[in-house]
Amino acid sequence: MIIVNTPDLKNREYEEIEMVAGSIVLSKHIGKDIMAGFKTIVGGEIESYTEMLIDARAQAVERMKNCAEKLEADAIVNVRFATSAIMEAAAEVVAYGTAIKFK
């Protein structure tokens, strides 16, 4: 499946099906939170949270792709990401875009 963040696919005729999305809420365990708290004292990247968000984005994209496959889409265009804090140490990542079918 083609997944792009551009608003369309040039030189391809297609019809839009509908918006598709995938989301996930992830958190780190208390041990990781304590270590992250120490890191805020000295500054720098909090690698455990970076890894968590990378994993969350990948899973959100996979869920969005599964949604598009159920619609028999060939591609997803105009893909975007949104994030939000659900509660302390938990983040939601949403991937969304427009499912399309080639003519």
PDB file of N, CA and C in Angstrom:
ATOM      1  N   MET A   1       0.844  -1.176   0.000  1.00  0.00           N
ATOM      2  CA  MET A   1       0.000   0.000   0.000  1.00  0.00           C
ATOM      3  C   MET A   1       0.887   1.236   0.000  1.00  0.00           C
ATOM      4  N   ILE A   2       0.514   2.208  -0.819  1.00  0.00           N
ATOM      5  CA  ILE A   2       1.225   3.481  -0.884  1.00  0.00           C
ATOM      6  C   ILE A   2       0.678   4.387   0.211  1.00  0.00           C
ATOM      7  N   ILE A   3       1.579   4.964   0.994  1.00  0.00           N
ATOM      8  CA  ILE A   3       1.195   5.902   2.054  1.00  0.00           C
ATOM      9  C   ILE A   3       2.080   7.130   1.907  1.00  0.00           C
ATOM     10  N   VAL A   4       1.449   8.280   1.630  1.00  0.00           N
ATOM     11  CA  VAL A   4       2.218   9.511   1.418  1.00  0.00           C
ATOM     12  C   VAL A   4       1.591  10.672   2.184  1.00  0.00           C
ATOM     13  N   ASN A   5       2.432  11.677   2.466  1.00  0.00           N
ATOM     14  CA  ASN A   5       1.908  12.858   3.141  1.00  0.00           C
ATOM     15  C   ASN A   5       1.588  13.993   2.167  1.00  0.00           C
ATOM     16  N   THR A   6       1.746  13.742   0.881  1.00  0.00           N
ATOM     17  CA  THR A   6       1.379  14.741  -0.119  1.00  0.00           C
ATOM     18  C   THR A   6      -0.138  14.722  -0.314  1.00  0.00           C
ATOM     19  N   PRO A   7      -0.711  15.840  -0.763  1.00  0.00           N
ATOM     20  CA  PRO A   7      -2.170  15.894  -0.883  1.00  0.00           C
ATOM     21  C   PRO A   7      -2.742  15.008  -1.991  1.00  0.00           C
ATOM     22  N   ASP A   8      -1.899  14.566  -2.922  1.00  0.00           N
ATOM     23  CA  ASP A   8      -2.387  13.695  -3.990  1.00  0.00           C
ATOM     24  C   ASP A   8      -1.222  12.924  -4.586  1.00  0.00           C
ATOM     25  N   LEU A   9      -1.549  12.027  -5.504  1.00  0.00           N
ATOM     26  CA  LEU A   9      -0.534  11.286  -6.254  1.00  0.00           C
ATOM     27  C   LEU A   9      -0.560  11.788  -7.687  1.00  0.00           C
ATOM     28  N   LYS A  10       0.512  12.383  -8.105  1.00  0.00           N
ATOM     29  CA  LYS A  10       0.579  12.945  -9.451  1.00  0.00           C
ATOM     30  C   LYS A  10       0.577  11.826 -10.493  1.00  0.00           C
ATOM     31  N   ASN A  11      -0.026  12.120 -11.635  1.00  0.00           N
ATOM     32  CA  ASN A  11      -0.083  11.202 -12.775  1.00  0.00           C
ATOM     33  C   ASN A  11      -0.848   9.913 -12.477  1.00  0.00           C
ATOM     34  N   ARG A  12      -1.693   9.924 -11.463  1.00  0.00           N
ATOM     35  CA  ARG A  12      -2.530   8.766 -11.148  1.00  0.00           C
ATOM     36  C   ARG A  12      -3.969   9.237 -11.010  1.00  0.00           C
ATOM     37  N   GLU A  13      -4.868   8.517 -11.666  1.00  0.00           N
ATOM     38  CA  GLU A  13      -6.287   8.816 -11.505  1.00  0.00           C
ATOM     39  C   GLU A  13      -6.829   7.939 -10.396  1.00  0.00           C
ATOM     40  N   TYR A  14      -7.595   8.557  -9.517  1.00  0.00           N
ATOM     41  CA  TYR A  14      -8.155   7.803  -8.397  1.00  0.00           C
ATOM     42  C   TYR A  14      -9.415   8.484  -7.885  1.00  0.00           C
ATOM     43  N   GLU A  15     -10.127   7.747  -7.077  1.00  0.00           N
ATOM     44  CA  GLU A  15     -11.291   8.314  -6.403  1.00  0.00           C
ATOM     45  C   GLU A  15     -11.045   8.214  -4.896  1.00  0.00           C
ATOM     46  N   GLU A  16     -11.493   9.227  -4.192  1.00  0.00           N
ATOM     47  CA  GLU A  16     -11.362   9.216  -2.743  1.00  0.00           C
ATOM     48  C   GLU A  16     -12.433   8.320  -2.149  1.00  0.00           C
ATOM     49  N   ILE A  17     -12.063   7.529  -1.180  1.00  0.00           N
ATOM     50  CA  ILE A  17     -13.027   6.665  -0.504  1.00  0.00           C
ATOM     51  C   ILE A  17     -13.536   7.377   0.750  1.00  0.00           C
ATOM     52  N   GLU A  18     -12.668   7.536   1.721  1.00  0.00           N
ATOM     53  CA  GLU A  18     -13.019   8.261   2.939  1.00  0.00           C
ATOM     54  C   GLU A  18     -11.784   8.421   3.808  1.00  0.00           C
ATOM     55  N   MET A  19     -11.918   9.227   4.857  1.00  0.00           N
ATOM     56  CA  MET A  19     -10.813   9.400   5.788  1.00  0.00           C
ATOM     57  C   MET A  19     -10.637   8.121   6.595  1.00  0.00           C
ATOM     58  N   VAL A  20      -9.387   7.752   6.813  1.00  0.00           N
ATOM     59  CA  VAL A  20      -9.063   6.605   7.653  1.00  0.00           C
ATOM     60  C   VAL A  20      -8.116   7.077   8.755  1.00  0.00           C
ATOM     61  N   ALA A  21      -8.162   6.397   9.870  1.00  0.00           N
ATOM     62  CA  ALA A  21      -7.320   6.795  11.000  1.00  0.00           C
ATOM     63  C   ALA A  21      -6.931   5.581  11.808  1.00  0.00           C
ATOM     64  N   GLY A  22      -5.844   5.721  12.520  1.00  0.00           N
ATOM     65  CA  GLY A  22      -5.406   4.717  13.481  1.00  0.00           C
ATOM     66  C   GLY A  22      -4.843   5.446  14.679  1.00  0.00           C
ATOM     67  N   SER A  23      -5.117   4.949  15.865  1.00  0.00           N
ATOM     68  CA  SER A  23      -4.599   5.617  17.055  1.00  0.00           C
ATOM     69  C   SER A  23      -4.150   4.606  18.088  1.00  0.00           C
ATOM     70  N   ILE A  24      -3.330   5.085  18.992  1.00  0.00           N
ATOM     71  CA  ILE A  24      -2.837   4.256  20.089  1.00  0.00           C
ATOM     72  C   ILE A  24      -2.480   5.174  21.252  1.00  0.00           C
ATOM     73  N   VAL A  25      -2.677   4.676  22.457  1.00  0.00           N
ATOM     74  CA  VAL A  25      -2.248   5.375  23.666  1.00  0.00           C
ATOM     75  C   VAL A  25      -1.220   4.483  24.345  1.00  0.00           C
ATOM     76  N   LEU A  26      -0.033   5.028  24.578  1.00  0.00           N
ATOM     77  CA  LEU A  26       1.043   4.270  25.207  1.00  0.00           C
ATOM     78  C   LEU A  26       1.559   5.014  26.432  1.00  0.00           C
ATOM     79  N   SER A  27       2.095   4.256  27.368  1.00  0.00           N
ATOM     80  CA  SER A  27       2.752   4.853  28.527  1.00  0.00           C
ATOM     81  C   SER A  27       3.974   4.017  28.880  1.00  0.00           C
ATOM     82  N   LYS A  28       4.872   4.625  29.600  1.00  0.00           N
ATOM     83  CA  LYS A  28       6.041   3.919  30.117  1.00  0.00           C
ATOM     84  C   LYS A  28       5.778   3.534  31.561  1.00  0.00           C
ATOM     85  N   HIS A  29       6.455   2.501  32.013  1.00  0.00           N
ATOM     86  CA  HIS A  29       6.252   2.084  33.406  1.00  0.00           C
ATOM     87  C   HIS A  29       6.968   3.027  34.363  1.00  0.00           C
ATOM     88  N   ILE A  30       6.652   2.926  35.612  1.00  0.00           N
ATOM     89  CA  ILE A  30       7.121   3.861  36.637  1.00  0.00           C
ATOM     90  C   ILE A  30       8.648   3.948  36.690  1.00  0.00           C
ATOM     91  N   GLY A  31       9.332   2.838  36.478  1.00  0.00           N
ATOM     92  CA  GLY A  31      10.802   2.863  36.484  1.00  0.00           C
ATOM     93  C   GLY A  31      11.357   3.790  35.416  1.00  0.00           C
ATOM     94  N   LYS A  32      10.778   3.731  34.237  1.00  0.00           N
ATOM     95  CA  LYS A  32      11.215   4.620  33.152  1.00  0.00           C
ATOM     96  C   LYS A  32      10.880   6.072  33.481  1.00  0.00           C
ATOM     97  N   ASP A  33       9.731   6.294  34.132  1.00  0.00           N
ATOM     98  CA  ASP A  33       9.349   7.662  34.499  1.00  0.00           C
ATOM     99  C   ASP A  33      10.321   8.257  35.503  1.00  0.00           C
ATOM    100  N   ILE A  34      10.766   7.464  36.450  1.00  0.00           N
ATOM    101  CA  ILE A  34      11.726   7.951  37.442  1.00  0.00           C
ATOM    102  C   ILE A  34      13.028   8.345  36.752  1.00  0.00           C
ATOM    103  N   MET A  35      13.496   7.487  35.848  1.00  0.00           N
ATOM    104  CA  MET A  35      14.740   7.789  35.116  1.00  0.00           C
ATOM    105  C   MET A  35      14.563   9.038  34.247  1.00  0.00           C
ATOM    106  N   ALA A  36      13.391   9.192  33.631  1.00  0.00           N
ATOM    107  CA  ALA A  36      13.123  10.376  32.816  1.00  0.00           C
ATOM    108  C   ALA A  36      13.125  11.619  33.694  1.00  0.00           C
ATOM    109  N   GLY A  37      12.599  11.506  34.913  1.00  0.00           N
ATOM    110  CA  GLY A  37      12.605  12.632  35.849  1.00  0.00           C
ATOM    111  C   GLY A  37      14.014  13.080  36.173  1.00  0.00           C
ATOM    112  N   PHE A  38      14.918  12.135  36.375  1.00  0.00           N
ATOM    113  CA  PHE A  38      16.316  12.490  36.616  1.00  0.00           C
ATOM    114  C   PHE A  38      16.923  13.196  35.410  1.00  0.00           C
ATOM    115  N   LYS A  39      16.552  12.749  34.233  1.00  0.00           N
ATOM    116  CA  LYS A  39      17.102  13.337  33.002  1.00  0.00           C
ATOM    117  C   LYS A  39      16.684  14.797  32.856  1.00  0.00           C
ATOM    118  N   THR A  40      15.495  15.155  33.349  1.00  0.00           N
ATOM    119  CA  THR A  40      15.056  16.547  33.230  1.00  0.00           C
ATOM    120  C   THR A  40      15.907  17.486  34.079  1.00  0.00           C
ATOM    121  N   ILE A  41      16.575  16.942  35.072  1.00  0.00           N
ATOM    122  CA  ILE A  41      17.449  17.774  35.912  1.00  0.00           C
ATOM    123  C   ILE A  41      18.684  18.212  35.130  1.00  0.00           C
ATOM    124  N   VAL A  42      19.282  17.308  34.372  1.00  0.00           N
ATOM    125  CA  VAL A  42      20.521  17.613  33.652  1.00  0.00           C
ATOM    126  C   VAL A  42      20.277  18.010  32.198  1.00  0.00           C
ATOM    127  N   GLY A  43      19.096  17.723  31.690  1.00  0.00           N
ATOM    128  CA  GLY A  43      18.775  18.079  30.303  1.00  0.00           C
ATOM    129  C   GLY A  43      19.182  17.002  29.322  1.00  0.00           C
ATOM    130  N   GLY A  44      18.727  17.148  28.096  1.00  0.00           N
ATOM    131  CA  GLY A  44      19.055  16.201  27.047  1.00  0.00           C
ATOM    132  C   GLY A  44      17.863  15.355  26.638  1.00  0.00           C
ATOM    133  N   GLU A  45      18.098  14.505  25.669  1.00  0.00           N
ATOM    134  CA  GLU A  45      17.023  13.658  25.137  1.00  0.00           C
ATOM    135  C   GLU A  45      16.634  12.585  26.138  1.00  0.00           C
ATOM    136  N   ILE A  46      15.342  12.359  26.258  1.00  0.00           N
ATOM    137  CA  ILE A  46      14.826  11.270  27.084  1.00  0.00           C
ATOM    138  C   ILE A  46      14.530  10.121  26.123  1.00  0.00           C
ATOM    139  N   GLU A  47      15.536   9.274  25.948  1.00  0.00           N
ATOM    140  CA  GLU A  47      15.489   8.253  24.900  1.00  0.00           C
ATOM    141  C   GLU A  47      14.326   7.285  25.056  1.00  0.00           C
ATOM    142  N   SER A  48      13.950   6.960  26.281  1.00  0.00           N
ATOM    143  CA  SER A  48      12.852   6.001  26.455  1.00  0.00           C
ATOM    144  C   SER A  48      11.541   6.570  25.918  1.00  0.00           C
ATOM    145  N   TYR A  49      11.343   7.878  26.045  1.00  0.00           N
ATOM    146  CA  TYR A  49      10.130   8.488  25.505  1.00  0.00           C
ATOM    147  C   TYR A  49      10.217   8.654  23.989  1.00  0.00           C
ATOM    148  N   THR A  50      11.400   8.912  23.481  1.00  0.00           N
ATOM    149  CA  THR A  50      11.579   8.964  22.026  1.00  0.00           C
ATOM    150  C   THR A  50      11.221   7.613  21.417  1.00  0.00           C
ATOM    151  N   GLU A  51      11.731   6.547  22.015  1.00  0.00           N
ATOM    152  CA  GLU A  51      11.424   5.196  21.532  1.00  0.00           C
ATOM    153  C   GLU A  51       9.931   4.900  21.632  1.00  0.00           C
ATOM    154  N   MET A  52       9.301   5.342  22.723  1.00  0.00           N
ATOM    155  CA  MET A  52       7.868   5.109  22.898  1.00  0.00           C
ATOM    156  C   MET A  52       7.079   5.777  21.779  1.00  0.00           C
ATOM    157  N   LEU A  53       7.441   7.022  21.433  1.00  0.00           N
ATOM    158  CA  LEU A  53       6.705   7.734  20.388  1.00  0.00           C
ATOM    159  C   LEU A  53       6.975   7.160  19.002  1.00  0.00           C
ATOM    160  N   ILE A  54       8.184   6.683  18.758  1.00  0.00           N
ATOM    161  CA  ILE A  54       8.482   6.019  17.477  1.00  0.00           C
ATOM    162  C   ILE A  54       7.612   4.767  17.340  1.00  0.00           C
ATOM    163  N   ASP A  55       7.547   3.973  18.406  1.00  0.00           N
ATOM    164  CA  ASP A  55       6.698   2.772  18.390  1.00  0.00           C
ATOM    165  C   ASP A  55       5.233   3.141  18.209  1.00  0.00           C
ATOM    166  N   ALA A  56       4.784   4.172  18.904  1.00  0.00           N
ATOM    167  CA  ALA A  56       3.380   4.593  18.818  1.00  0.00           C
ATOM    168  C   ALA A  56       3.033   5.037  17.400  1.00  0.00           C
ATOM    169  N   ARG A  57       3.911   5.809  16.760  1.00  0.00           N
ATOM    170  CA  ARG A  57       3.649   6.237  15.377  1.00  0.00           C
ATOM    171  C   ARG A  57       3.547   5.042  14.446  1.00  0.00           C
ATOM    172  N   ALA A  58       4.466   4.093  14.592  1.00  0.00           N
ATOM    173  CA  ALA A  58       4.445   2.909  13.725  1.00  0.00           C
ATOM    174  C   ALA A  58       3.149   2.119  13.909  1.00  0.00           C
ATOM    175  N   GLN A  59       2.700   1.957  15.144  1.00  0.00           N
ATOM    176  CA  GLN A  59       1.469   1.210  15.392  1.00  0.00           C
ATOM    177  C   GLN A  59       0.240   1.970  14.906  1.00  0.00           C
ATOM    178  N   ALA A  60       0.246   3.298  15.055  1.00  0.00           N
ATOM    179  CA  ALA A  60      -0.879   4.101  14.562  1.00  0.00           C
ATOM    180  C   ALA A  60      -0.973   4.009  13.038  1.00  0.00           C
ATOM    181  N   VAL A  61       0.170   4.052  12.352  1.00  0.00           N
ATOM    182  CA  VAL A  61       0.176   3.923  10.889  1.00  0.00           C
ATOM    183  C   VAL A  61      -0.330   2.543  10.483  1.00  0.00           C
ATOM    184  N   GLU A  62       0.086   1.520  11.194  1.00  0.00           N
ATOM    185  CA  GLU A  62      -0.361   0.163  10.873  1.00  0.00           C
ATOM    186  C   GLU A  62      -1.876   0.039  11.040  1.00  0.00           C
ATOM    187  N   ARG A  63      -2.422   0.635  12.072  1.00  0.00           N
ATOM    188  CA  ARG A  63      -3.869   0.595  12.293  1.00  0.00           C
ATOM    189  C   ARG A  63      -4.615   1.388  11.224  1.00  0.00           C
ATOM    190  N   MET A  64      -4.050   2.518  10.816  1.00  0.00           N
ATOM    191  CA  MET A  64      -4.649   3.312   9.742  1.00  0.00           C
ATOM    192  C   MET A  64      -4.637   2.498   8.442  1.00  0.00           C
ATOM    193  N   LYS A  65      -3.518   1.854   8.168  1.00  0.00           N
ATOM    194  CA  LYS A  65      -3.386   1.020   6.969  1.00  0.00           C
ATOM    195  C   LYS A  65      -4.400  -0.126   6.988  1.00  0.00           C
ATOM    196  N   ASN A  66      -4.579  -0.770   8.135  1.00  0.00           N
ATOM    197  CA  ASN A  66      -5.570  -1.850   8.250  1.00  0.00           C
ATOM    198  C   ASN A  66      -6.976  -1.344   7.957  1.00  0.00           C
ATOM    199  N   CYS A  67      -7.278  -0.156   8.416  1.00  0.00           N
ATOM    200  CA  CYS A  67      -8.586   0.450   8.158  1.00  0.00           C
ATOM    201  C   CYS A  67      -8.778   0.662   6.649  1.00  0.00           C
ATOM    202  N   ALA A  68      -7.737   1.151   5.979  1.00  0.00           N
ATOM    203  CA  ALA A  68      -7.804   1.385   4.540  1.00  0.00           C
ATOM    204  C   ALA A  68      -7.933   0.072   3.770  1.00  0.00           C
ATOM    205  N   GLU A  69      -7.233  -0.962   4.224  1.00  0.00           N
ATOM    206  CA  GLU A  69      -7.315  -2.263   3.559  1.00  0.00           C
ATOM    207  C   GLU A  69      -8.719  -2.844   3.644  1.00  0.00           C
ATOM    208  N   LYS A  70      -9.412  -2.620   4.750  1.00  0.00           N
ATOM    209  CA  LYS A  70     -10.796  -3.092   4.886  1.00  0.00           C
ATOM    210  C   LYS A  70     -11.713  -2.420   3.869  1.00  0.00           C
ATOM    211  N   LEU A  71     -11.345  -1.206   3.451  1.00  0.00           N
ATOM    212  CA  LEU A  71     -12.116  -0.476   2.436  1.00  0.00           C
ATOM    213  C   LEU A  71     -11.647  -0.811   1.025  1.00  0.00           C
ATOM    214  N   GLU A  72     -10.665  -1.725   0.911  1.00  0.00           N
ATOM    215  CA  GLU A  72     -10.053  -2.113  -0.361  1.00  0.00           C
ATOM    216  C   GLU A  72      -9.384  -0.930  -1.055  1.00  0.00           C
ATOM    217  N   ALA A  73      -8.782  -0.059  -0.269  1.00  0.00           N
ATOM    218  CA  ALA A  73      -8.064   1.101  -0.808  1.00  0.00           C
ATOM    219  C   ALA A  73      -6.716   0.655  -1.366  1.00  0.00           C
ATOM    220  N   ASP A  74      -6.219   1.439  -2.319  1.00  0.00           N
ATOM    221  CA  ASP A  74      -4.902   1.177  -2.898  1.00  0.00           C
ATOM    222  C   ASP A  74      -3.814   2.025  -2.261  1.00  0.00           C
ATOM    223  N   ALA A  75      -4.221   3.143  -1.671  1.00  0.00           N
ATOM    224  CA  ALA A  75      -3.241   4.071  -1.101  1.00  0.00           C
ATOM    225  C   ALA A  75      -3.923   4.970  -0.083  1.00  0.00           C
ATOM    226  N   ILE A  76      -3.083   5.665   0.681  1.00  0.00           N
ATOM    227  CA  ILE A  76      -3.564   6.688   1.605  1.00  0.00           C
ATOM    228  C   ILE A  76      -2.753   7.942   1.318  1.00  0.00           C
ATOM    229  N   VAL A  77      -3.456   9.039   1.043  1.00  0.00           N
ATOM    230  CA  VAL A  77      -2.781  10.304   0.755  1.00  0.00           C
ATOM    231  C   VAL A  77      -3.058  11.304   1.865  1.00  0.00           C
ATOM    232  N   ASN A  78      -2.243  12.369   1.877  1.00  0.00           N
ATOM    233  CA  ASN A  78      -2.407  13.472   2.815  1.00  0.00           C
ATOM    234  C   ASN A  78      -2.348  12.983   4.272  1.00  0.00           C
ATOM    235  N   VAL A  79      -1.409  12.088   4.545  1.00  0.00           N
ATOM    236  CA  VAL A  79      -1.280  11.512   5.884  1.00  0.00           C
ATOM    237  C   VAL A  79      -0.728  12.553   6.849  1.00  0.00           C
ATOM    238  N   ARG A  80      -1.334  12.607   8.023  1.00  0.00           N
ATOM    239  CA  ARG A  80      -0.929  13.540   9.073  1.00  0.00           C
ATOM    240  C   ARG A  80      -0.871  12.784  10.399  1.00  0.00           C
ATOM    241  N   PHE A  81      -0.167  13.380  11.352  1.00  0.00           N
ATOM    242  CA  PHE A  81      -0.076  12.834  12.701  1.00  0.00           C
ATOM    243  C   PHE A  81      -0.534  13.882  13.693  1.00  0.00           C
ATOM    244  N   ALA A  82      -1.138  13.416  14.760  1.00  0.00           N
ATOM    245  CA  ALA A  82      -1.508  14.290  15.874  1.00  0.00           C
ATOM    246  C   ALA A  82      -1.151  13.557  17.158  1.00  0.00           C
ATOM    247  N   THR A  83      -0.758  14.317  18.154  1.00  0.00           N
ATOM    248  CA  THR A  83      -0.443  13.734  19.449  1.00  0.00           C
ATOM    249  C   THR A  83      -1.133  14.523  20.543  1.00  0.00           C
ATOM    250  N   SER A  84      -1.371  13.857  21.639  1.00  0.00           N
ATOM    251  CA  SER A  84      -1.924  14.541  22.804  1.00  0.00           C
ATOM    252  C   SER A  84      -1.549  13.766  24.058  1.00  0.00           C
ATOM    253  N   ALA A  85      -1.486  14.477  25.159  1.00  0.00           N
ATOM    254  CA  ALA A  85      -1.239  13.842  26.451  1.00  0.00           C
ATOM    255  C   ALA A  85      -2.590  13.435  27.026  1.00  0.00           C
ATOM    256  N   ILE A  86      -2.759  12.177  27.292  1.00  0.00           N
ATOM    257  CA  ILE A  86      -4.010  11.661  27.839  1.00  0.00           C
ATOM    258  C   ILE A  86      -4.004  11.817  29.358  1.00  0.00           C
ATOM    259  N   MET A  87      -2.884  11.480  29.956  1.00  0.00           N
ATOM    260  CA  MET A  87      -2.672  11.620  31.394  1.00  0.00           C
ATOM    261  C   MET A  87      -1.169  11.698  31.600  1.00  0.00           C
ATOM    262  N   GLU A  88      -0.725  11.891  32.816  1.00  0.00           N
ATOM    263  CA  GLU A  88       0.705  11.977  33.061  1.00  0.00           C
ATOM    264  C   GLU A  88       1.389  10.695  32.588  1.00  0.00           C
ATOM    265  N   ALA A  89       2.419  10.845  31.774  1.00  0.00           N
ATOM    266  CA  ALA A  89       3.226   9.735  31.250  1.00  0.00           C
ATOM    267  C   ALA A  89       2.495   8.844  30.253  1.00  0.00           C
ATOM    268  N   ALA A  90       1.405   9.316  29.662  1.00  0.00           N
ATOM    269  CA  ALA A  90       0.719   8.560  28.617  1.00  0.00           C
ATOM    270  C   ALA A  90       0.431   9.496  27.452  1.00  0.00           C
ATOM    271  N   ALA A  91       0.737   9.039  26.260  1.00  0.00           N
ATOM    272  CA  ALA A  91       0.546   9.856  25.071  1.00  0.00           C
ATOM    273  C   ALA A  91      -0.282   9.109  24.036  1.00  0.00           C
ATOM    274  N   GLU A  92      -1.144   9.858  23.355  1.00  0.00           N
ATOM    275  CA  GLU A  92      -1.911   9.305  22.245  1.00  0.00           C
ATOM    276  C   GLU A  92      -1.270   9.788  20.951  1.00  0.00           C
ATOM    277  N   VAL A  93      -1.141   8.896  20.005  1.00  0.00           N
ATOM    278  CA  VAL A  93      -0.685   9.243  18.665  1.00  0.00           C
ATOM    279  C   VAL A  93      -1.765   8.800  17.695  1.00  0.00           C
ATOM    280  N   VAL A  94      -2.163   9.714  16.814  1.00  0.00           N
ATOM    281  CA  VAL A  94      -3.164   9.430  15.797  1.00  0.00           C
ATOM    282  C   VAL A  94      -2.530   9.658  14.428  1.00  0.00           C
ATOM    283  N   ALA A  95      -2.710   8.705  13.535  1.00  0.00           N
ATOM    284  CA  ALA A  95      -2.322   8.859  12.133  1.00  0.00           C
ATOM    285  C   ALA A  95      -3.611   8.868  11.326  1.00  0.00           C
ATOM    286  N   TYR A  96      -3.750   9.841  10.417  1.00  0.00           N
ATOM    287  CA  TYR A  96      -4.967   9.897   9.612  1.00  0.00           C
ATOM    288  C   TYR A  96      -4.659  10.415   8.216  1.00  0.00           C
ATOM    289  N   GLY A  97      -5.499  10.025   7.272  1.00  0.00           N
ATOM    290  CA  GLY A  97      -5.332  10.434   5.890  1.00  0.00           C
ATOM    291  C   GLY A  97      -6.564  10.029   5.085  1.00  0.00           C
ATOM    292  N   THR A  98      -6.477  10.201   3.780  1.00  0.00           N
ATOM    293  CA  THR A  98      -7.589   9.883   2.886  1.00  0.00           C
ATOM    294  C   THR A  98      -7.291   8.613   2.117  1.00  0.00           C
ATOM    295  N   ALA A  99      -8.136   7.612   2.286  1.00  0.00           N
ATOM    296  CA  ALA A  99      -7.996   6.363   1.541  1.00  0.00           C
ATOM    297  C   ALA A  99      -8.480   6.590   0.111  1.00  0.00           C
ATOM    298  N   ILE A 100      -7.732   6.057  -0.865  1.00  0.00           N
ATOM    299  CA  ILE A 100      -8.101   6.228  -2.264  1.00  0.00           C
ATOM    300  C   ILE A 100      -8.060   4.891  -3.004  1.00  0.00           C
ATOM    301  N   LYS A 101      -8.788   4.843  -4.103  1.00  0.00           N
ATOM    302  CA  LYS A 101      -8.817   3.658  -4.975  1.00  0.00           C
ATOM    303  C   LYS A 101      -8.432   4.113  -6.376  1.00  0.00           C
ATOM    304  N   PHE A 102      -7.453   3.450  -6.982  1.00  0.00           N
ATOM    305  CA  PHE A 102      -7.028   3.791  -8.338  1.00  0.00           C
ATOM    306  C   PHE A 102      -8.103   3.399  -9.345  1.00  0.00           C
ATOM    307  N   LYS A 103      -8.244   4.232 -10.386  1.00  0.00           N
ATOM    308  CA  LYS A 103      -9.211   3.928 -11.446  1.00  0.00           C
ATOM    309  C   LYS A 103      -8.594   3.015 -12.477  1.00  0.00           C
TER     310      LYS A 103
END
